[in-house]
Protein backbone atom coordinates (compact mmCIF):
# COMPACT_ATOMS: atom_id res chain seq x y z
CA MET A 1 21.35 57.27 -16.66
CA SER A 2 24.14 59.86 -16.85
CA HIS A 3 27.26 59.40 -18.96
CA HIS A 4 29.33 59.33 -15.74
CA ALA A 5 27.17 56.57 -14.25
CA LYS A 6 27.55 54.49 -17.44
CA ASP A 7 31.31 54.90 -17.23
CA LEU A 8 31.30 53.67 -13.63
CA LEU A 9 29.24 50.59 -14.53
CA ALA A 10 31.48 49.85 -17.51
CA LEU A 11 34.55 50.07 -15.32
CA ALA A 12 33.00 47.82 -12.67
CA LYS A 13 32.17 45.25 -15.35
CA ALA A 14 35.70 45.43 -16.71
CA VAL A 15 37.10 44.77 -13.22
CA ILE A 16 34.91 41.72 -12.81
CA ASP A 17 35.72 40.43 -16.28
CA THR A 18 39.46 40.88 -15.62
CA GLU A 19 39.30 38.94 -12.37
CA ILE A 20 37.19 36.18 -13.94
CA ALA A 21 39.81 35.82 -16.67
CA ALA A 22 42.53 35.60 -14.04
CA LEU A 23 40.67 32.83 -12.25
CA ALA A 24 39.98 30.99 -15.49
CA ALA A 25 43.74 30.70 -16.01
CA LEU A 26 44.42 29.22 -12.56
CA PRO A 27 43.57 25.56 -13.32
CA SER A 28 46.31 25.46 -15.94
CA ARG A 29 48.83 26.41 -13.25
CA LEU A 30 48.06 23.36 -11.09
CA ASP A 31 50.93 20.86 -11.31
CA ASP A 32 52.99 18.43 -9.25
CA GLU A 33 54.09 21.28 -6.99
CA PHE A 34 50.48 21.64 -5.81
CA LEU A 35 50.31 17.90 -5.14
CA HIS A 36 53.61 17.95 -3.23
CA ALA A 37 52.35 20.87 -1.17
CA CYS A 38 49.22 18.89 -0.27
CA GLU A 39 51.31 15.86 0.66
CA ALA A 40 53.57 17.99 2.88
CA ILE A 41 50.57 19.42 4.73
CA LEU A 42 48.94 16.01 5.13
CA ALA A 43 52.18 14.65 6.60
CA CYS A 44 52.60 17.70 8.86
CA LYS A 45 52.94 16.79 12.56
CA GLY A 46 52.60 20.40 13.67
CA ARG A 47 50.54 23.31 12.38
CA VAL A 48 50.27 25.13 9.08
CA ILE A 49 51.42 28.73 9.47
CA VAL A 50 50.33 31.19 6.80
CA THR A 51 52.26 34.44 6.39
CA GLY A 52 51.98 37.40 4.07
CA MET A 53 52.44 41.16 4.06
CA GLY A 54 49.90 43.85 3.19
CA LYS A 55 46.96 42.66 1.10
CA SER A 56 48.54 39.20 0.88
CA GLY A 57 48.40 39.17 4.68
CA HIS A 58 44.68 39.83 4.68
CA ILE A 59 44.19 36.97 2.24
CA GLY A 60 46.51 34.83 4.36
CA ASN A 61 44.29 35.38 7.41
CA LYS A 62 41.34 34.05 5.47
CA ILE A 63 43.28 31.05 4.09
CA ALA A 64 44.45 30.13 7.60
CA ALA A 65 40.88 30.39 8.92
CA THR A 66 39.56 28.21 6.10
CA LEU A 67 42.24 25.58 6.67
CA ALA A 68 41.55 25.53 10.41
CA SER A 69 37.81 25.13 9.95
CA THR A 70 38.20 22.27 7.46
CA GLY A 71 40.47 19.95 9.38
CA THR A 72 43.95 21.46 8.98
CA PRO A 73 45.25 23.15 12.17
CA ALA A 74 46.48 26.55 11.00
CA PHE A 75 47.02 30.15 12.05
CA PHE A 76 48.30 33.39 10.53
CA LEU A 77 51.68 34.88 11.42
CA HIS A 78 52.46 38.50 10.50
CA PRO A 79 55.96 38.52 8.95
CA GLY A 80 56.76 41.93 10.47
CA GLU A 81 55.88 40.75 13.98
CA ALA A 82 57.78 37.51 13.33
CA SER A 83 61.03 39.46 13.24
CA HIS A 84 60.31 40.80 16.73
CA GLY A 85 59.67 37.62 18.67
CA ASP A 86 56.75 35.89 17.02
CA LEU A 87 59.06 33.48 15.17
CA GLY A 88 58.89 31.53 18.42
CA MET A 89 55.45 30.39 17.28
CA ILE A 90 57.13 28.21 14.64
CA VAL A 91 58.43 24.85 15.79
CA ASN A 92 59.89 21.77 14.18
CA GLY A 93 57.30 19.85 12.17
CA ASP A 94 55.32 22.89 11.06
CA VAL A 95 54.56 23.83 7.45
CA ILE A 96 54.84 27.45 6.28
CA ILE A 97 52.72 28.89 3.47
CA ALA A 98 54.27 32.21 2.38
CA LEU A 99 52.21 34.54 0.18
CA SER A 100 53.48 37.28 -2.12
CA ASN A 101 52.40 38.04 -5.66
CA SER A 102 55.85 39.36 -6.60
CA GLY A 103 57.70 36.78 -4.55
CA THR A 104 60.02 39.53 -3.28
CA SER A 105 58.41 40.47 0.05
CA ALA A 106 61.30 41.88 2.09
CA GLU A 107 59.66 40.97 5.40
CA ILE A 108 59.23 37.34 4.39
CA LEU A 109 62.68 37.05 2.82
CA ALA A 110 64.16 38.42 6.06
CA ILE A 111 62.75 35.59 8.15
CA LEU A 112 63.18 32.71 5.69
CA PRO A 113 66.83 32.02 6.65
CA VAL A 114 65.80 31.66 10.31
CA ILE A 115 62.84 29.47 9.43
CA ARG A 116 65.12 27.31 7.30
CA ARG A 117 67.14 26.36 10.39
CA LEU A 118 64.09 24.53 11.71
CA ASP A 119 62.71 21.23 10.51
CA VAL A 120 59.84 22.82 8.57
CA ARG A 121 58.61 22.72 4.97
CA VAL A 122 58.03 25.96 3.12
CA ILE A 123 55.36 26.42 0.47
CA ALA A 124 55.59 29.68 -1.51
CA MET A 125 52.48 30.93 -3.26
CA THR A 126 53.62 33.63 -5.68
CA GLY A 127 53.03 34.92 -9.18
CA ASN A 128 56.66 34.44 -10.23
CA PRO A 129 58.19 30.93 -10.27
CA HIS A 130 61.68 32.45 -10.52
CA SER A 131 61.29 34.88 -7.61
CA PRO A 132 63.52 34.70 -4.52
CA MET A 133 60.68 33.29 -2.43
CA ALA A 134 59.85 30.62 -5.01
CA GLU A 135 63.50 29.61 -5.25
CA ALA A 136 63.90 29.43 -1.48
CA ALA A 137 60.78 27.32 -0.92
CA ASP A 138 60.42 23.55 -0.96
CA PHE A 139 57.35 23.86 -3.18
CA HIS A 140 55.95 26.69 -5.27
CA ILE A 141 52.31 27.21 -6.20
CA ASN A 142 51.92 29.62 -9.10
CA ILE A 143 49.15 32.20 -8.64
CA GLY A 144 50.35 34.52 -11.42
CA VAL A 145 47.85 36.73 -13.25
CA ASP A 146 48.21 38.50 -16.58
CA LYS A 147 47.13 41.86 -15.15
CA GLU A 148 45.58 43.51 -12.15
CA ALA A 149 42.00 44.76 -12.43
CA CYS A 150 43.15 48.15 -11.13
CA PRO A 151 43.38 50.55 -14.14
CA LEU A 152 46.72 51.74 -12.80
CA GLY A 153 48.00 48.20 -12.52
CA LEU A 154 49.06 48.92 -8.96
CA ALA A 155 46.42 47.92 -6.41
CA PRO A 156 46.40 44.15 -5.73
CA THR A 157 43.09 43.01 -7.18
CA SER A 158 43.26 40.07 -9.59
CA SER A 159 46.35 38.74 -7.80
CA THR A 160 44.72 38.72 -4.36
CA THR A 161 41.59 37.09 -5.78
CA ALA A 162 43.72 34.39 -7.41
CA THR A 163 45.58 33.83 -4.14
CA LEU A 164 42.34 33.50 -2.23
CA VAL A 165 40.92 30.99 -4.70
CA MET A 166 44.12 28.93 -4.77
CA GLY A 167 43.97 28.86 -0.97
CA ASP A 168 40.42 27.54 -1.16
CA ALA A 169 41.54 24.93 -3.68
CA LEU A 170 44.27 23.81 -1.30
CA ALA A 171 41.93 23.69 1.70
CA VAL A 172 39.22 21.73 -0.12
CA ALA A 173 41.74 19.28 -1.59
CA LEU A 174 43.03 18.63 1.92
CA LEU A 175 39.50 18.36 3.27
CA GLU A 176 38.72 15.64 0.76
CA ALA A 177 42.01 13.82 1.38
CA ARG A 178 41.35 13.77 5.13
CA GLY A 179 37.82 12.45 4.71
CA PHE A 180 36.53 15.52 6.53
CA THR A 181 32.74 15.35 7.03
CA ALA A 182 29.91 17.75 7.65
CA GLU A 183 29.89 16.55 11.28
CA ASP A 184 33.57 17.43 11.60
CA PHE A 185 32.85 20.87 10.17
CA ALA A 186 30.02 21.34 12.65
CA ARG A 187 32.33 20.60 15.60
CA SER A 188 34.43 23.61 14.71
CA HIS A 189 31.31 25.72 14.12
CA PRO A 190 29.11 24.91 17.16
CA GLY A 191 27.61 28.37 17.17
CA GLY A 192 26.55 28.36 13.55
CA ARG A 193 23.36 27.05 12.06
CA LEU A 194 25.06 24.01 10.56
CA GLY A 195 26.68 23.19 13.87
CA LYS A 196 23.36 23.28 15.66
CA ARG A 197 21.66 21.13 13.06
CA LEU A 198 24.40 18.50 13.25
CA LEU A 199 25.26 18.54 16.95
CA VAL A 200 22.02 19.15 18.87
CA HIS A 201 20.12 15.99 19.78
CA VAL A 202 16.54 15.56 20.89
CA HIS A 203 17.60 14.80 24.48
CA ASP A 204 19.36 18.20 24.62
CA ILE A 205 16.17 20.21 24.25
CA MET A 206 13.21 17.92 25.08
CA HIS A 207 10.87 18.44 28.05
CA THR A 208 11.31 15.77 30.73
CA GLY A 209 10.06 14.67 34.16
CA THR A 210 7.17 16.64 35.59
CA ASP A 211 7.11 18.85 32.46
CA ILE A 212 5.69 15.93 30.47
CA PRO A 213 1.88 16.22 30.18
CA GLN A 214 0.25 12.84 30.78
CA VAL A 215 -3.08 11.39 31.93
CA SER A 216 -4.47 7.87 32.40
CA PRO A 217 -6.55 6.28 29.60
CA ASP A 218 -9.77 6.51 31.64
CA ALA A 219 -9.33 10.23 32.38
CA PRO A 220 -12.20 12.48 31.22
CA LEU A 221 -11.61 15.06 28.52
CA GLN A 222 -11.72 17.90 31.04
CA GLN A 223 -8.77 16.44 32.94
CA ALA A 224 -6.79 16.03 29.70
CA ILE A 225 -7.47 19.65 28.72
CA LEU A 226 -6.39 20.90 32.14
CA GLU A 227 -3.15 18.90 31.87
CA MET A 228 -2.52 20.33 28.41
CA THR A 229 -3.14 23.83 29.72
CA ARG A 230 -0.81 23.40 32.68
CA LYS A 231 2.11 21.99 30.66
CA LYS A 232 1.58 24.33 27.66
CA LEU A 233 2.76 21.92 24.97
CA GLY A 234 -0.47 21.58 23.03
CA MET A 235 -0.80 17.87 23.81
CA THR A 236 -0.88 15.24 26.50
CA ALA A 237 0.38 11.69 26.58
CA ILE A 238 -1.98 8.90 27.58
CA THR A 239 -0.09 6.43 29.73
CA THR A 240 -0.80 3.34 31.82
CA ALA A 241 -0.07 3.14 35.54
CA ASP A 242 3.32 1.58 34.79
CA GLY A 243 4.21 4.34 32.31
CA LYS A 244 3.51 2.64 28.96
CA LEU A 245 2.55 5.15 26.28
CA LEU A 246 -0.80 4.25 24.68
CA GLY A 247 -1.45 7.34 22.59
CA ILE A 248 -1.44 11.12 22.46
CA PHE A 249 -4.14 13.76 22.46
CA THR A 250 -3.41 17.13 20.84
CA ASP A 251 -5.10 20.46 20.21
CA GLY A 252 -5.81 19.15 16.71
CA ASP A 253 -7.51 16.04 18.10
CA LEU A 254 -9.72 18.27 20.25
CA ARG A 255 -10.83 20.32 17.25
CA ARG A 256 -11.49 17.23 15.15
CA SER A 257 -13.57 15.72 17.97
CA PHE A 258 -15.74 18.84 18.08
CA GLU A 259 -16.11 18.79 14.29
CA LYS A 260 -17.37 15.19 14.45
CA GLY A 261 -20.05 16.20 16.96
CA GLU A 262 -19.06 13.49 19.41
CA ASN A 263 -20.36 13.39 22.97
CA LEU A 264 -17.06 14.44 24.49
CA HIS A 265 -18.25 14.35 28.12
CA ALA A 266 -19.33 10.73 27.94
CA GLN A 267 -16.05 9.29 26.62
CA PRO A 268 -12.71 8.69 28.30
CA ILE A 269 -9.66 10.23 26.68
CA ALA A 270 -8.58 6.79 25.39
CA ALA A 271 -11.55 6.89 22.98
CA LEU A 272 -10.41 10.23 21.58
CA MET A 273 -6.61 9.87 21.50
CA THR A 274 -4.45 9.29 18.45
CA ALA A 275 -3.02 5.81 18.27
CA PRO A 276 -0.82 4.73 16.67
CA PHE A 277 1.20 7.93 16.81
CA ARG A 278 4.47 9.30 15.52
CA SER A 279 7.39 9.47 17.95
CA ILE A 280 11.14 9.90 18.02
CA ASP A 281 14.15 8.56 19.92
CA SER A 282 16.03 10.80 22.36
CA HIS A 283 19.36 10.13 20.64
CA SER A 284 18.09 11.33 17.25
CA LEU A 285 19.34 14.63 15.95
CA ALA A 286 16.97 17.52 16.64
CA VAL A 287 16.89 18.23 12.92
CA GLU A 288 15.38 14.76 12.42
CA ALA A 289 12.51 15.77 14.70
CA LEU A 290 12.09 18.91 12.59
CA ASN A 291 12.02 16.87 9.38
CA LEU A 292 9.42 14.50 10.84
CA MET A 293 7.22 17.35 11.99
CA GLN A 294 7.42 19.11 8.63
CA ALA A 295 6.77 15.90 6.67
CA HIS A 296 3.55 15.19 8.60
CA ALA A 297 2.39 18.75 9.38
CA ILE A 298 2.63 18.28 13.18
CA THR A 299 4.19 20.46 15.85
CA VAL A 300 4.92 18.08 18.70
CA LEU A 301 6.40 14.61 19.17
CA PRO A 302 6.62 12.25 22.13
CA VAL A 303 10.12 10.94 22.82
CA VAL A 304 9.83 7.22 23.42
CA GLN A 305 12.13 4.60 24.91
CA ASP A 306 11.03 1.02 25.62
CA GLU A 307 7.41 1.99 24.91
CA ARG A 308 7.55 4.68 27.61
CA VAL A 309 7.43 8.43 27.11
CA ILE A 310 10.63 10.01 28.42
CA GLY A 311 10.20 13.43 26.89
CA ILE A 312 8.26 15.77 24.64
CA ILE A 313 9.75 17.92 21.89
CA HIS A 314 7.79 20.82 20.39
CA MET A 315 8.39 22.92 17.32
CA HIS A 316 8.98 25.90 19.63
CA ASP A 317 11.89 24.02 21.20
CA LEU A 318 13.46 23.62 17.76
CA LEU A 319 12.95 27.31 17.02
CA ARG A 320 14.57 28.37 20.30
CA ALA A 321 17.52 26.10 19.64
CA GLY A 322 18.01 27.61 16.17
CA ILE A 323 17.26 24.30 14.42
CA ALA A 324 14.17 25.49 12.56
């Protein structure tokens, strides 16, 4: 490794160490102001509006998104645009979170007097408890750092990381206080993997009606195989004339019957079927069907209600739905 490469790695390590040190100091800055800020947001009848300029604005966008996805209605407002009409987004009952490491952001200080005429609470998140923004706010959360990781001490690095982490601390504290659950999280993330695992039920993806393979208990093996081939689910249900499910016959049952050397042509399917069998309810989560299949090394389940088969769910259905 060249001397230059070693220097680059050493510098990268120093940046990381500096930012870790900045984060390690954050817990000591948590005080009653943080608690009061949480209480103000929990009591908020409107929305939480996060604002910040430059790099603080980028962090503010992320904080607003995290709040919104964890049970606190929130959005980001650019302070520059606010001076040109977007202040109309703020209404009585809102809470403002204003971000600035120095606490002297001219754009934010320019709109604070107007905001103060409304019935809103202002939370300043700065690195200087005596800054103009901190003094003008109802509550101040200290995100001060000893130094930036930038060797020039100019580019926001440690300070933006500290702001981001304090935002996460605020969001998670509020999440816990609201009793926000994984199911609540999934409702705001329906397109994500977690959302699918917590929102998709068996009845949403199961095969129903004429797509259900089924034969009578006295049907010959050939008829059962033809039904399995037509419906392409690797199994057939064995049902009575009134629809009661007696058992199932799968590709695996067929192979096991051959291995046993049984006279397959002489026996009705009822003599070869699996009974009792594993099944699932249509109102169960699809992920429960996946867990059942994985636990018992099977790929298909009948969906049963009142002893009748109302659907079939296959591993392929879970894969298509993004559950597996």
